[in-house]
Amino acid sequence: MAPLRRRPKQLDAEPRLFETGGQGGAGGLVLAGDRRGRQGGARTGSGGPAVTAERSALSAIPDGEGPDPEALRRARQIAARLAVPRPRRDVTARRGAGELASLRYRGGSDDIDLDRTVAQLVEHPLPDEDDIIVRERIRTRRSVLLLVDVSGSMRGERVRTAAATVGALAAELSRDDLAVIAFWSDAAVLSRLGQHVPPQILLDTMLRIPAKGLTNIAWPLRVAARELARVPARDARAVLLSDCVHNAGPDPRPFAARLPRLDVLLDTSGEQDAELARELARLGHGRLRRIGGYTDVAPALGAIFTY
């Protein structure tokens, strides 16, 4: 693998992982795994979060203030244009969680759909097995992990667009499992798979994180790999929204290759690293789409979810 075009700063401590401190609400973030702030640290060579004794509260705006109206406006505009295709039905996931559908009998379910079966028998008085229609639960859910860059290079208009993307995508994927991780040199888990945090709360929480610090893309990819390891690979995917100006931590490309799928939304409204973005998408078996502003978000998301 060729060396990175930029030489990132090598970190002398393991990056930290924060999570929301409240129960599904916006507000402060605390170090994951140690809410009382006890002294500790990551095991040598481990992928776990580092834990220190420092007080860990990240808050860009005081509690009680409403979410940024411009970010809300952008989120509504993105949502109005966003049409993410539903995943293909997986008929191999018999007797599992999913939507109830009527299918031709294949030796699985014994729950016969009488109305559909009778209709078939009218046309075929001497039926084959294919003429028996049964009801089965089939998997139609995705597990999507959205990785959002809130580092210093993504401040201002860029972070508003990123927050609007989070809000719009959370609303669109309400029937799927969506997790959101904001990152800079550290990272914060705003929602985990299966939590179903309301879109406006996700948007609001993300806007409370100050846009500062270096950009360590390797760290959220490592966290994403751990989160997605809990679900079948065929249902799992990560989406990275960033300028891909990786300037801290190890080379992120090997971590991209470990994900079942990684799509990249490259923010091109300022400084960017298109070469690294292409490599991450290629190694992650995903697609690269460029975003020059929030109006580009909906078509870009629609494109990456078409397969």
Protein backbone atom coordinates (compact mmCIF):
# COMPACT_ATOMS: atom_id res chain seq x y z
CA MET A 1 0.00 0.00 0.00
CA ALA A 2 1.45 3.35 -1.04
CA PRO A 3 2.23 5.91 1.69
CA LEU A 4 -0.40 8.52 2.47
CA ARG A 5 -0.05 11.81 0.62
CA ARG A 6 -0.27 13.66 3.93
CA ARG A 7 1.84 12.62 6.88
CA PRO A 8 -0.58 12.46 9.84
CA LYS A 9 0.45 13.32 13.35
CA GLN A 10 1.23 10.21 15.39
CA LEU A 11 -0.79 10.15 18.60
CA ASP A 12 0.93 9.42 21.92
CA ALA A 13 -2.32 8.29 23.58
CA GLU A 14 -5.26 6.14 22.56
CA PRO A 15 -8.16 8.25 21.22
CA ARG A 16 -11.20 8.52 23.47
CA LEU A 17 -14.76 7.41 22.84
CA PHE A 18 -17.63 9.45 24.27
CA GLU A 19 -21.35 8.73 24.39
CA THR A 20 -24.45 10.77 25.19
CA GLY A 21 -24.95 11.17 28.91
CA GLY A 22 -28.77 11.34 28.87
CA GLN A 23 -31.42 8.80 28.00
CA GLY A 24 -32.07 9.62 24.34
CA GLY A 25 -31.74 13.39 24.84
CA ALA A 26 -29.34 16.03 23.62
CA GLY A 27 -26.71 17.46 25.90
CA GLY A 28 -23.33 16.56 27.37
CA LEU A 29 -21.17 13.63 26.36
CA VAL A 30 -19.26 11.42 28.77
CA LEU A 31 -16.48 8.93 28.31
CA ALA A 32 -17.93 5.59 27.23
CA GLY A 33 -17.64 2.81 29.77
CA ASP A 34 -16.76 5.05 32.72
CA ARG A 35 -19.46 7.57 33.60
CA ARG A 36 -17.91 8.31 37.02
CA GLY A 37 -14.58 9.48 35.58
CA ARG A 38 -12.39 6.90 37.29
CA GLN A 39 -8.73 6.69 36.42
CA GLY A 40 -7.99 4.03 33.80
CA GLY A 41 -6.72 3.36 30.34
CA ALA A 42 -6.94 1.14 27.31
CA ARG A 43 -5.05 -2.11 27.32
CA THR A 44 -1.90 -2.04 25.27
CA GLY A 45 -2.67 -2.97 21.70
CA SER A 46 -6.42 -3.01 22.32
CA GLY A 47 -9.05 -1.22 20.29
CA GLY A 48 -10.90 -0.09 23.42
CA PRO A 49 -11.47 3.52 24.38
CA ALA A 50 -9.00 5.26 26.66
CA VAL A 51 -10.49 6.41 29.97
CA THR A 52 -8.96 9.20 32.06
CA ALA A 53 -9.83 10.97 35.30
CA GLU A 54 -10.56 14.28 33.57
CA ARG A 55 -14.10 15.62 33.54
CA SER A 56 -15.48 14.91 30.09
CA ALA A 57 -18.26 17.23 29.06
CA LEU A 58 -18.62 18.48 25.49
CA SER A 59 -21.20 21.21 25.02
CA ALA A 60 -21.17 23.84 22.27
CA ILE A 61 -24.42 25.58 23.31
CA PRO A 62 -26.16 25.72 26.70
CA ASP A 63 -28.96 23.29 27.47
CA GLY A 64 -32.39 24.78 26.90
CA GLU A 65 -31.54 26.57 23.65
CA GLY A 66 -33.24 25.30 20.51
CA PRO A 67 -31.41 23.62 17.63
CA ASP A 68 -29.80 25.74 14.93
CA PRO A 69 -32.67 26.93 12.67
CA GLU A 70 -30.48 26.91 9.55
CA ALA A 71 -29.45 23.30 10.14
CA LEU A 72 -33.11 22.38 10.67
CA ARG A 73 -34.07 24.12 7.43
CA ARG A 74 -31.39 22.23 5.53
CA ALA A 75 -32.43 18.94 7.10
CA ARG A 76 -36.02 19.49 5.96
CA GLN A 77 -34.91 20.35 2.42
CA ILE A 78 -32.67 17.28 2.23
CA ALA A 79 -35.44 15.07 3.63
CA ALA A 80 -37.94 16.41 1.08
CA ARG A 81 -35.69 15.31 -1.81
CA LEU A 82 -34.35 12.12 -0.23
CA ALA A 83 -35.63 8.80 -1.54
CA VAL A 84 -33.47 5.91 -0.32
CA PRO A 85 -34.47 2.63 -2.03
CA ARG A 86 -35.68 -0.10 0.30
CA PRO A 87 -33.32 -3.07 0.65
CA ARG A 88 -34.00 -6.17 -1.41
CA ARG A 89 -36.08 -8.77 0.36
CA ASP A 90 -33.97 -11.58 1.72
CA VAL A 91 -36.07 -14.73 1.43
CA THR A 92 -33.25 -16.83 2.94
CA ALA A 93 -33.87 -15.27 6.35
CA ARG A 94 -36.79 -17.62 7.13
CA ARG A 95 -38.52 -17.50 10.51
CA GLY A 96 -36.46 -14.46 11.46
CA ALA A 97 -37.32 -10.87 12.26
CA GLY A 98 -38.65 -8.85 9.38
CA GLU A 99 -41.77 -7.98 7.45
CA LEU A 100 -44.57 -10.49 6.89
CA ALA A 101 -44.92 -11.30 3.18
CA SER A 102 -46.80 -13.81 1.01
CA LEU A 103 -44.44 -16.12 -0.90
CA ARG A 104 -44.62 -19.37 -2.84
CA TYR A 105 -44.09 -22.41 -0.66
CA ARG A 106 -40.45 -23.54 -0.50
CA GLY A 107 -40.59 -26.00 2.35
CA GLY A 108 -40.31 -23.41 5.15
CA SER A 109 -43.41 -21.80 6.61
CA ASP A 110 -46.65 -23.72 7.21
CA ASP A 111 -48.71 -20.51 7.63
CA ILE A 112 -50.84 -20.75 4.46
CA ASP A 113 -52.22 -17.56 2.94
CA LEU A 114 -55.68 -18.96 2.13
CA ASP A 115 -56.94 -16.10 -0.04
CA ARG A 116 -53.85 -16.09 -2.28
CA THR A 117 -53.72 -19.90 -2.41
CA VAL A 118 -57.40 -20.21 -3.42
CA ALA A 119 -56.82 -17.67 -6.18
CA GLN A 120 -53.96 -19.81 -7.47
CA LEU A 121 -56.08 -22.99 -7.34
CA VAL A 122 -58.77 -21.37 -9.46
CA GLU A 123 -56.22 -20.98 -12.22
CA HIS A 124 -54.47 -24.32 -11.58
CA PRO A 125 -56.94 -27.04 -10.47
CA LEU A 126 -54.08 -29.57 -10.31
CA PRO A 127 -51.67 -27.58 -8.17
CA ASP A 128 -47.95 -27.95 -7.74
CA GLU A 129 -46.08 -26.87 -4.61
CA ASP A 130 -45.50 -23.50 -6.26
CA ASP A 131 -49.23 -22.82 -6.18
CA ILE A 132 -49.34 -22.90 -2.37
CA ILE A 133 -48.86 -19.39 -0.99
CA VAL A 134 -47.56 -19.06 2.57
CA ARG A 135 -46.76 -16.17 4.87
CA GLU A 136 -43.16 -15.76 5.99
CA ARG A 137 -41.17 -13.10 7.75
CA ILE A 138 -38.38 -11.87 5.51
CA ARG A 139 -35.51 -9.57 6.32
CA THR A 140 -35.81 -6.09 4.83
CA ARG A 141 -33.81 -4.09 7.39
CA ARG A 142 -30.37 -2.57 7.04
CA SER A 143 -27.87 -1.77 9.77
CA VAL A 144 -26.32 1.57 8.81
CA LEU A 145 -23.56 3.35 10.71
CA LEU A 146 -23.11 7.03 9.80
CA LEU A 147 -19.65 8.45 10.58
CA VAL A 148 -19.70 12.25 10.62
CA ASP A 149 -16.59 14.44 10.67
CA VAL A 150 -16.89 17.35 13.15
CA SER A 151 -13.18 18.21 13.31
CA GLY A 152 -11.81 21.71 12.99
CA SER A 153 -11.72 21.57 9.20
CA MET A 154 -15.47 20.86 9.13
CA ARG A 155 -16.61 23.92 11.09
CA GLY A 156 -19.20 26.50 10.08
CA GLU A 157 -21.29 25.74 7.00
CA ARG A 158 -19.78 22.30 6.65
CA VAL A 159 -20.85 21.11 10.09
CA ARG A 160 -24.36 22.51 9.52
CA THR A 161 -24.62 20.47 6.33
CA ALA A 162 -23.29 17.40 8.16
CA ALA A 163 -25.84 17.83 10.95
CA ALA A 164 -28.65 18.30 8.43
CA THR A 165 -27.54 15.09 6.70
CA VAL A 166 -27.77 13.21 10.00
CA GLY A 167 -31.29 14.51 10.67
CA ALA A 168 -32.57 13.76 7.17
CA LEU A 169 -31.05 10.29 6.94
CA ALA A 170 -32.32 9.34 10.40
CA ALA A 171 -35.85 10.22 9.31
CA GLU A 172 -35.52 8.34 6.01
CA LEU A 173 -34.11 5.19 7.64
CA SER A 174 -36.71 5.05 10.42
CA ARG A 175 -37.49 1.42 9.49
CA ASP A 176 -33.81 0.44 9.60
CA ASP A 177 -31.20 0.33 12.36
CA LEU A 178 -29.14 3.53 12.27
CA ALA A 179 -26.17 4.39 14.47
CA VAL A 180 -24.39 7.75 14.37
CA ILE A 181 -20.79 8.47 15.37
CA ALA A 182 -19.35 12.00 15.30
CA PHE A 183 -15.57 12.18 15.22
CA TRP A 184 -12.57 14.48 15.33
CA SER A 185 -9.31 13.32 16.99
CA ASP A 186 -11.67 11.46 19.37
CA ALA A 187 -15.20 10.22 18.67
CA ALA A 188 -18.67 10.32 20.20
CA VAL A 189 -21.43 7.73 19.79
CA LEU A 190 -24.64 9.72 19.37
CA SER A 191 -26.78 6.61 18.88
CA ARG A 192 -26.13 2.89 18.73
CA LEU A 193 -27.75 0.26 16.56
CA GLY A 194 -31.24 -0.46 17.84
CA GLN A 195 -31.65 2.77 19.85
CA HIS A 196 -33.85 4.71 17.37
CA VAL A 197 -33.06 8.22 18.63
CA PRO A 198 -35.40 10.86 17.07
CA PRO A 199 -33.81 12.73 14.12
CA GLN A 200 -34.08 16.19 15.71
CA ILE A 201 -32.35 14.99 18.89
CA LEU A 202 -29.50 13.53 16.84
CA LEU A 203 -29.14 16.81 14.93
CA ASP A 204 -29.27 18.86 18.12
CA THR A 205 -26.75 16.69 19.97
CA MET A 206 -24.31 16.81 17.10
CA LEU A 207 -24.47 20.62 16.93
CA ARG A 208 -23.52 20.76 20.62
CA ILE A 209 -20.12 19.25 19.84
CA PRO A 210 -17.55 22.00 19.19
CA ALA A 211 -15.99 21.64 15.73
CA LYS A 212 -12.33 21.52 16.70
CA GLY A 213 -9.28 19.30 16.81
CA LEU A 214 -7.50 17.14 14.28
CA THR A 215 -9.11 14.57 11.99
CA ASN A 216 -8.51 10.93 12.90
CA ILE A 217 -10.49 8.84 10.39
CA ALA A 218 -8.99 5.55 11.55
CA TRP A 219 -10.63 5.77 14.99
CA PRO A 220 -14.31 5.91 13.91
CA LEU A 221 -13.65 3.14 11.39
CA ARG A 222 -12.36 0.95 14.23
CA VAL A 223 -15.44 1.77 16.34
CA ALA A 224 -17.68 1.07 13.33
CA ALA A 225 -16.12 -2.35 12.81
CA ARG A 226 -16.94 -3.29 16.42
CA GLU A 227 -20.53 -2.04 16.13
CA LEU A 228 -21.22 -3.77 12.81
CA ALA A 229 -19.64 -7.04 13.97
CA ARG A 230 -22.87 -7.65 15.92
CA VAL A 231 -25.04 -7.89 12.79
CA PRO A 232 -24.87 -10.08 9.65
CA ALA A 233 -22.39 -8.67 7.14
CA ARG A 234 -24.98 -8.75 4.34
CA ASP A 235 -27.12 -6.23 6.28
CA ALA A 236 -24.30 -3.96 7.48
CA ARG A 237 -22.81 -0.83 5.95
CA ALA A 238 -21.05 2.36 7.04
CA VAL A 239 -21.29 5.81 5.46
CA LEU A 240 -18.44 8.30 6.02
CA LEU A 241 -19.15 12.05 5.66
CA SER A 242 -15.87 13.97 5.73
CA ASP A 243 -13.38 16.09 3.82
CA CYS A 244 -11.02 13.11 4.35
CA VAL A 245 -8.16 15.39 5.44
CA HIS A 246 -6.72 12.74 7.75
CA ASN A 247 -4.05 14.43 9.84
CA ALA A 248 -3.88 12.39 13.05
CA GLY A 249 -3.56 8.73 13.95
CA PRO A 250 -2.71 5.62 11.93
CA ASP A 251 -3.44 4.99 8.27
CA PRO A 252 -7.24 4.54 8.01
CA ARG A 253 -7.15 2.42 4.84
CA PRO A 254 -6.58 -0.97 6.52
CA PHE A 255 -9.54 -0.29 8.81
CA ALA A 256 -11.77 0.56 5.83
CA ALA A 257 -10.93 -2.82 4.33
CA ARG A 258 -12.26 -4.59 7.46
CA LEU A 259 -15.77 -3.18 7.08
CA PRO A 260 -18.45 -5.14 5.19
CA ARG A 261 -19.10 -1.98 3.15
CA LEU A 262 -18.00 1.66 3.35
CA ASP A 263 -19.45 4.45 1.23
CA VAL A 264 -17.86 7.91 1.29
CA LEU A 265 -19.56 11.30 1.01
CA LEU A 266 -16.67 13.69 0.32
CA ASP A 267 -17.26 17.32 1.28
CA THR A 268 -15.65 19.34 -1.51
CA SER A 269 -16.67 22.82 -0.29
CA GLY A 270 -13.17 23.46 1.08
CA GLU A 271 -9.91 21.61 1.63
CA GLN A 272 -10.25 17.92 0.85
CA ASP A 273 -8.28 14.75 0.11
CA ALA A 274 -10.02 13.17 -2.87
CA GLU A 275 -7.30 10.55 -3.30
CA LEU A 276 -7.76 9.15 0.20
CA ALA A 277 -11.56 9.28 -0.20
CA ARG A 278 -11.31 7.16 -3.36
CA GLU A 279 -9.05 4.65 -1.63
CA LEU A 280 -11.37 4.33 1.38
CA ALA A 281 -14.40 3.71 -0.83
CA ARG A 282 -12.51 1.20 -2.99
CA LEU A 283 -11.15 -0.76 -0.04
CA GLY A 284 -14.54 -0.65 1.65
CA HIS A 285 -16.28 -2.06 -1.47
CA GLY A 286 -18.49 1.04 -1.60
CA ARG A 287 -19.08 4.19 -3.62
CA LEU A 288 -17.67 7.70 -3.51
CA ARG A 289 -19.96 10.70 -3.97
CA ARG A 290 -18.93 14.36 -3.77
CA ILE A 291 -20.90 17.00 -1.87
CA GLY A 292 -20.32 20.66 -2.66
CA GLY A 293 -23.22 21.83 -0.49
CA TYR A 294 -26.32 20.55 1.27
CA THR A 295 -28.32 20.43 -1.98
CA ASP A 296 -25.99 17.65 -3.17
CA VAL A 297 -26.69 15.41 -0.18
CA ALA A 298 -30.02 13.85 -1.22
CA PRO A 299 -28.91 12.67 -4.70
CA ALA A 300 -25.59 11.43 -3.29
CA LEU A 301 -27.31 9.33 -0.62
CA GLY A 302 -29.83 8.03 -3.13
CA ALA A 303 -26.96 6.90 -5.37
CA ILE A 304 -25.02 5.00 -2.71
CA PHE A 305 -28.10 3.16 -1.48
CA THR A 306 -29.09 1.86 -4.92
CA TYR A 307 -26.97 -1.28 -4.42
